[in-house]
Structure formats: C-alpha cells, structure tokens
Amino acid sequence: MREKAAWSMNGFLGILIIAILLAATVFSVFEGQIIIAAICLIVAITLGTGITLVQPNQSVVVIFLGKYMGSIRQEGIVITIPFTIRRTISLRVRNFNSNRLKVNDVNGNPIEIAAVIVFKVVDSAKAVFDVDRYEQFVEIQSETAIRAVATKYPYDTFENEELTLRGNAEEVSQELKQQVQDRLKVAGVDIIEARLTHLAYSTEIAQAMLQRQQASAIIAARKKIVEGAVSMVQDAIQRMEKEEVLELDDERRVAMVNNLLVAIVSDHGAQPVINTGSLYQ
C-alpha cells in the first residue's frame, strides 16, 4: 500500500455550487417543478457530504466502501468523493520518550536505559492500512530497538578497544536510529533522530559496579604510568651513557633504574637515599 492523491476540488468553489443548487431547489419549488427541485437538492446534499477541512501538516485518508481512494494533503476546505470515510493523520514531527527499560548489556550487566525517538509520518496510507494503531506500533518497536542496541554493546570499558554505550554516544545513537527505522518503515514512518536520555547501572548492582569501575580505572592509570616511567628511565640511562656523564656497570644500572622508577611511579614525593659508600663494600 502506497499513498496516492485522492480526487478533490476547491472547497470554496464547491460551497458556491452547493449554494447555487439550494437556490435552484427553492426556485423550482416555487415554480412547481418538483422533480428538478428534488434533483438539485440531492446533488447539493451529495456534494455537501464531501466537504472536508484539512489542517496544515495533516493528511486525510479517503475510504469509499472499504477501498482506499487516496489521501488529501492540500490544506484548507476541499470537497472530495461523497459518502466516504475520512481519517485524519498528523504529519507533524513528534517525540516518543521511552520508559526506563531494564536490560542486560553484552557482558550480562543489568542496566537501565531510555531514549527519545523523533519521528514523523511520511506515508499516510501505510500508517493506516499496513499496521494497526501506528502510534502504538511506534512505541513498541522503538522499545524493541532500544533493547536490541543495549544488548549489543557493553556499558563501559577502560581499554577503548570497542564501542560502549557510555563512551560512544554518537555511534550508539546512529545504530539506534537505523534499528528503529528498519522496524518502522512498514508503517510509513521516518525517523529523524534517536538519542539516549538515560543510561545507568541498575540500582541493585550500582555500588558494586562503581567499585569495579574505580578499580579498573586505577589499573588502567597505573598501566599508563608504568609504561611512561619505563620509557623515561630508558631515555635517561641512554642519554647519560651517550653524553658520558656516568659509566655504569650492570649492577649500578639496575640500582639507577630502580631509584628512577620509584621516584616516577610513587604516589607521594620520593625520599632519596644517599649512599656514601660503594655498592661493592
């Protein structure tokens, strides 16, 4: 089912014709021409049943004896096919704010997630005939897409090796938009934007996951510090040997590396220990 234009005519012209027919009916009655008066009255009533008011950014779906005759998007007063059922569909941009859903991420951690879906109807025929209650269909399919995206990615990591729900909001939003669009194209709905509005661990594990995050952050930070410290010590030893500042054998080099690493990696200011003797005494 695809949207098509229904037959219609200018409403003001149609009202003028109806007024003329009613005047002709009254004139014919006074002249005693009952048959002509009856014909004029029937035609006026028939045209009158087709009067339709279309608001801006609305589409009127015209149905005649169970058959789809087309849609009217021309705003204002129009006259369409008489004796038809007409359903009004809004073409305005609308928001759907999902409830907070409790799902498991790809690692099995329970999280709470919610999103806002910005959409509009672009095909009124599909919205009316291809799905039942398209607004409810949008809500259910949007929440289904949110669940699908939430179970595809982890909540967060500290390695920056994969997409996460918290760290890659733009990519996740694009994935969510595509997921929702694929589900709603059957209803003639176009998705303009999809964004996460709430993302958090479930309350029952929030404290434990916070401690886990803090531990993971400390480990990741320590790893970076150690990598940087090793690089700095290597540069320092190589520079001293190159400039012949010191001549270090293996044992003195080990002691120098140990002291430099302690000074760099330590959380607090390192206290130097001055050896007044020799390593060999």
Protein backbone atom coordinates (compact mmCIF):
# COMPACT_ATOMS: atom_id res chain seq x y z
CA MET A 1 0.00 0.00 0.00
CA ARG A 2 1.38 3.37 -1.06
CA GLU A 3 -0.04 6.83 -0.63
CA LYS A 4 -1.70 8.42 -3.65
CA ALA A 5 -3.64 11.62 -4.23
CA ALA A 6 -7.41 11.44 -3.86
CA TRP A 7 -9.83 13.39 -6.08
CA SER A 8 -10.68 16.78 -4.62
CA MET A 9 -11.82 20.22 -5.66
CA ASN A 10 -11.55 23.68 -4.17
CA GLY A 11 -13.86 23.84 -1.19
CA PHE A 12 -14.98 27.44 -1.71
CA LEU A 13 -15.95 26.66 -5.29
CA GLY A 14 -17.81 23.60 -4.08
CA ILE A 15 -19.69 25.59 -1.43
CA LEU A 16 -20.65 28.13 -4.09
CA ILE A 17 -22.03 25.34 -6.29
CA ILE A 18 -23.96 23.91 -3.33
CA ALA A 19 -25.43 27.35 -2.60
CA ILE A 20 -26.50 27.72 -6.24
CA LEU A 21 -28.11 24.26 -6.19
CA LEU A 22 -30.01 25.09 -2.99
CA ALA A 23 -31.21 28.35 -4.51
CA ALA A 24 -32.30 26.44 -7.61
CA THR A 25 -34.16 23.99 -5.36
CA VAL A 26 -36.12 26.77 -3.67
CA PHE A 27 -36.85 28.48 -7.00
CA SER A 28 -38.02 25.19 -8.54
CA VAL A 29 -40.36 24.53 -5.64
CA PHE A 30 -41.99 27.93 -6.09
CA GLU A 31 -42.28 27.26 -9.84
CA GLY A 32 -43.88 23.88 -9.16
CA GLN A 33 -41.03 21.92 -10.77
CA ILE A 34 -40.74 19.31 -8.03
CA ILE A 35 -38.58 16.86 -9.96
CA ILE A 36 -35.94 19.50 -10.77
CA ALA A 37 -36.04 20.70 -7.17
CA ALA A 38 -35.50 17.13 -5.93
CA ILE A 39 -32.57 16.61 -8.30
CA CYS A 40 -30.91 19.88 -7.24
CA LEU A 41 -31.39 19.04 -3.57
CA ILE A 42 -29.92 15.51 -3.94
CA VAL A 43 -26.89 16.86 -5.84
CA ALA A 44 -26.35 19.57 -3.19
CA ILE A 45 -26.55 17.03 -0.34
CA THR A 46 -24.21 14.68 -2.19
CA LEU A 47 -21.61 17.39 -2.68
CA GLY A 48 -22.09 18.50 0.92
CA THR A 49 -21.08 15.08 2.25
CA GLY A 50 -17.70 15.54 0.59
CA ILE A 51 -16.78 18.77 2.38
CA THR A 52 -13.53 18.23 4.28
CA LEU A 53 -11.34 20.53 6.36
CA VAL A 54 -7.62 19.78 6.19
CA GLN A 55 -5.30 21.39 8.75
CA PRO A 56 -1.66 22.28 7.93
CA ASN A 57 0.67 19.28 8.18
CA GLN A 58 -2.19 16.81 8.11
CA SER A 59 -3.26 14.18 5.61
CA VAL A 60 -6.83 12.95 5.18
CA VAL A 61 -7.17 9.33 4.09
CA VAL A 62 -10.28 8.79 1.95
CA ILE A 63 -12.01 5.38 2.07
CA PHE A 64 -15.05 4.54 -0.08
CA LEU A 65 -16.90 1.26 0.57
CA GLY A 66 -13.79 -0.30 2.09
CA LYS A 67 -11.48 0.78 -0.75
CA TYR A 68 -8.62 3.24 -0.40
CA MET A 69 -9.31 6.14 -2.78
CA GLY A 70 -6.28 8.28 -1.90
CA SER A 71 -5.09 10.95 0.52
CA ILE A 72 -5.55 14.71 0.62
CA ARG A 73 -2.69 16.93 1.79
CA GLN A 74 -3.97 20.23 0.41
CA GLU A 75 -4.72 22.38 3.45
CA GLY A 76 -7.96 24.30 3.75
CA ILE A 77 -11.53 23.45 2.75
CA VAL A 78 -11.87 20.90 -0.05
CA ILE A 79 -14.61 18.73 -1.47
CA THR A 80 -13.70 15.12 -2.11
CA ILE A 81 -15.55 11.94 -3.05
CA PRO A 82 -19.00 11.98 -1.39
CA PHE A 83 -20.18 9.38 1.12
CA THR A 84 -16.64 8.38 2.09
CA ILE A 85 -14.98 7.66 5.40
CA ARG A 86 -12.15 10.08 6.08
CA ARG A 87 -9.39 9.54 8.62
CA THR A 88 -7.02 12.34 9.59
CA ILE A 89 -3.33 11.53 10.07
CA SER A 90 -0.90 14.05 11.53
CA LEU A 91 2.27 14.69 9.51
CA ARG A 92 3.86 16.81 12.22
CA VAL A 93 7.19 15.92 13.84
CA ARG A 94 6.61 14.17 17.17
CA ASN A 95 8.64 12.78 20.06
CA PHE A 96 8.36 9.42 21.75
CA ASN A 97 10.05 9.23 25.17
CA SER A 98 10.53 5.61 26.12
CA ASN A 99 10.20 4.29 29.64
CA ARG A 100 13.32 3.33 31.57
CA LEU A 101 13.99 -0.20 30.43
CA LYS A 102 15.97 -2.71 32.46
CA VAL A 103 18.13 -4.86 30.16
CA ASN A 104 21.47 -6.67 30.21
CA ASP A 105 24.40 -5.33 28.21
CA VAL A 106 26.63 -7.60 26.14
CA ASN A 107 28.58 -8.57 29.30
CA GLY A 108 25.41 -9.51 31.17
CA ASN A 109 25.40 -6.49 33.47
CA PRO A 110 21.86 -5.22 34.24
CA ILE A 111 21.45 -1.58 33.18
CA GLU A 112 18.69 1.00 32.92
CA ILE A 113 18.31 2.69 29.55
CA ALA A 114 15.85 5.11 27.94
CA ALA A 115 15.75 7.07 24.69
CA VAL A 116 13.82 9.72 22.80
CA ILE A 117 12.70 8.98 19.23
CA VAL A 118 11.87 11.90 16.93
CA PHE A 119 9.64 10.78 14.05
CA LYS A 120 7.03 11.84 11.51
CA VAL A 121 4.58 10.06 9.21
CA VAL A 122 5.59 10.30 5.55
CA ASP A 123 3.09 7.82 4.06
CA SER A 124 -0.43 8.10 5.46
CA ALA A 125 -1.66 5.01 3.57
CA LYS A 126 0.94 2.76 5.21
CA ALA A 127 0.22 4.29 8.62
CA VAL A 128 -3.50 3.49 8.32
CA PHE A 129 -3.63 0.22 6.40
CA ASP A 130 -0.32 -1.62 6.89
CA VAL A 131 -0.25 -1.54 10.70
CA ASP A 132 -2.86 -1.44 13.44
CA ARG A 133 -2.63 1.76 15.53
CA TYR A 134 0.62 3.08 14.17
CA GLU A 135 1.33 5.21 17.27
CA GLN A 136 1.31 2.13 19.49
CA PHE A 137 3.35 0.32 16.84
CA VAL A 138 5.98 3.09 17.00
CA GLU A 139 6.22 2.79 20.79
CA ILE A 140 6.59 -0.99 20.87
CA GLN A 141 9.07 -1.21 18.01
CA SER A 142 11.15 1.66 19.40
CA GLU A 143 11.49 -0.04 22.77
CA THR A 144 12.37 -3.29 20.99
CA ALA A 145 15.15 -1.50 19.08
CA ILE A 146 16.45 0.10 22.30
CA ARG A 147 16.70 -3.32 23.92
CA ALA A 148 18.48 -4.73 20.86
CA VAL A 149 21.09 -1.95 20.86
CA ALA A 150 21.62 -2.18 24.64
CA THR A 151 22.39 -5.91 24.44
CA LYS A 152 24.85 -5.38 21.58
CA TYR A 153 27.40 -3.20 23.43
CA PRO A 154 29.00 -3.14 26.89
CA TYR A 155 28.09 -0.36 29.29
CA ASP A 156 31.69 0.82 29.59
CA THR A 157 35.31 -0.32 29.33
CA PHE A 158 38.67 1.30 30.01
CA GLU A 159 40.63 -0.20 27.14
CA ASN A 160 38.99 1.90 24.36
CA GLU A 161 39.12 -1.15 22.10
CA GLU A 162 35.39 -1.44 21.40
CA LEU A 163 32.26 0.67 21.23
CA THR A 164 30.46 1.23 24.53
CA LEU A 165 27.08 2.65 25.43
CA ARG A 166 28.56 5.35 27.67
CA GLY A 167 31.69 6.23 25.73
CA ASN A 168 30.37 6.23 22.15
CA ALA A 169 27.06 8.07 22.35
CA GLU A 170 27.13 9.26 18.72
CA GLU A 171 27.77 5.83 17.24
CA VAL A 172 25.18 4.21 19.50
CA SER A 173 22.60 6.85 18.53
CA GLN A 174 23.20 6.19 14.83
CA GLU A 175 22.85 2.46 15.42
CA LEU A 176 19.63 3.02 17.36
CA LYS A 177 18.22 5.29 14.63
CA GLN A 178 18.92 2.66 11.97
CA GLN A 179 17.40 -0.11 14.08
CA VAL A 180 14.21 1.87 14.68
CA GLN A 181 13.97 2.97 11.03
CA ASP A 182 14.24 -0.62 9.80
CA ARG A 183 11.35 -1.61 12.05
CA LEU A 184 9.08 1.35 11.29
CA LYS A 185 9.41 1.74 7.53
CA VAL A 186 6.49 -0.67 7.14
CA ALA A 187 4.30 1.91 8.93
CA GLY A 188 5.31 4.79 6.65
CA VAL A 189 7.22 6.49 9.48
CA ASP A 190 10.52 8.34 9.04
CA ILE A 191 12.94 8.57 11.99
CA ILE A 192 14.56 11.99 12.25
CA GLU A 193 16.67 11.42 15.35
CA ALA A 194 17.20 8.88 18.12
CA ARG A 195 19.12 9.71 21.32
CA LEU A 196 19.71 8.04 24.66
CA THR A 197 18.23 10.07 27.51
CA HIS A 198 19.11 7.80 30.44
CA LEU A 199 21.87 5.26 30.97
CA ALA A 200 22.92 3.80 34.31
CA TYR A 201 23.60 0.55 36.09
CA SER A 202 20.61 -0.98 37.81
CA THR A 203 20.25 0.08 41.45
CA GLU A 204 20.93 -3.40 42.83
CA ILE A 205 24.45 -3.51 41.35
CA ALA A 206 25.23 0.19 41.03
CA GLN A 207 27.54 0.33 44.08
CA ALA A 208 29.39 -2.85 43.14
CA MET A 209 29.87 -1.70 39.55
CA LEU A 210 31.09 1.69 40.77
CA GLN A 211 33.79 -0.04 42.80
CA ARG A 212 34.62 -2.18 39.78
CA GLN A 213 34.87 0.92 37.60
CA GLN A 214 37.14 2.61 40.13
CA ALA A 215 39.38 -0.47 40.33
CA SER A 216 39.53 -0.75 36.55
CA ALA A 217 40.33 2.95 36.27
CA ILE A 218 43.16 2.64 38.81
CA ILE A 219 44.61 -0.37 37.00
CA ALA A 220 44.40 1.38 33.63
CA ALA A 221 46.02 4.53 35.06
CA ARG A 222 48.80 2.54 36.75
CA LYS A 223 49.49 0.74 33.50
CA LYS A 224 49.92 4.05 31.68
CA ILE A 225 52.14 5.41 34.46
CA VAL A 226 54.40 2.35 34.39
CA GLU A 227 54.66 2.46 30.59
CA GLY A 228 55.60 6.13 30.74
CA ALA A 229 58.06 5.59 33.60
CA VAL A 230 59.88 2.79 31.77
CA SER A 231 60.17 4.97 28.68
CA MET A 232 61.52 7.90 30.74
CA VAL A 233 64.08 5.73 32.53
CA GLN A 234 65.29 4.25 29.25
CA ASP A 235 65.74 7.72 27.79
CA ALA A 236 67.58 8.94 30.91
CA ILE A 237 70.02 5.99 31.02
CA GLN A 238 70.71 6.20 27.29
CA ARG A 239 71.30 9.94 27.47
CA MET A 240 73.71 9.68 30.44
CA GLU A 241 75.69 6.94 28.74
CA LYS A 242 75.72 8.80 25.42
CA GLU A 243 76.98 12.03 26.99
CA GLU A 244 79.40 10.04 29.18
CA VAL A 245 78.01 11.58 32.34
CA LEU A 246 78.33 8.26 34.15
CA GLU A 247 79.88 4.90 33.48
CA LEU A 248 77.51 2.29 34.81
CA ASP A 249 78.08 -1.41 35.05
CA ASP A 250 75.12 -3.82 35.18
CA GLU A 251 74.69 -3.64 38.97
CA ARG A 252 74.82 0.17 39.12
CA ARG A 253 72.48 0.37 36.13
CA VAL A 254 69.95 -1.82 37.97
CA ALA A 255 70.20 0.38 41.06
CA MET A 256 69.76 3.53 38.96
CA VAL A 257 66.72 2.10 37.17
CA ASN A 258 65.19 1.06 40.49
CA ASN A 259 65.63 4.51 42.01
CA LEU A 260 64.26 6.30 38.96
CA LEU A 261 61.21 4.04 38.73
CA VAL A 262 60.44 4.51 42.43
CA ALA A 263 60.70 8.29 42.08
CA ILE A 264 58.49 8.42 38.99
CA VAL A 265 55.83 5.84 39.88
CA SER A 266 55.41 6.74 43.55
CA ASP A 267 52.13 8.44 44.52
CA HIS A 268 53.96 10.65 47.02
CA GLY A 269 57.23 12.52 46.88
CA ALA A 270 60.08 10.01 46.92
CA GLN A 271 62.66 10.35 49.73
CA PRO A 272 66.14 9.95 48.22
CA VAL A 273 68.61 7.63 49.96
CA ILE A 274 72.22 8.80 49.60
CA ASN A 275 74.78 6.02 49.58
CA THR A 276 78.08 7.38 50.90
CA GLY A 277 79.89 4.14 50.36
CA SER A 278 80.02 1.78 47.46
CA LEU A 279 77.74 -0.89 46.17
CA TYR A 280 80.65 -3.32 46.38
CA GLN A 281 81.56 -2.69 50.04
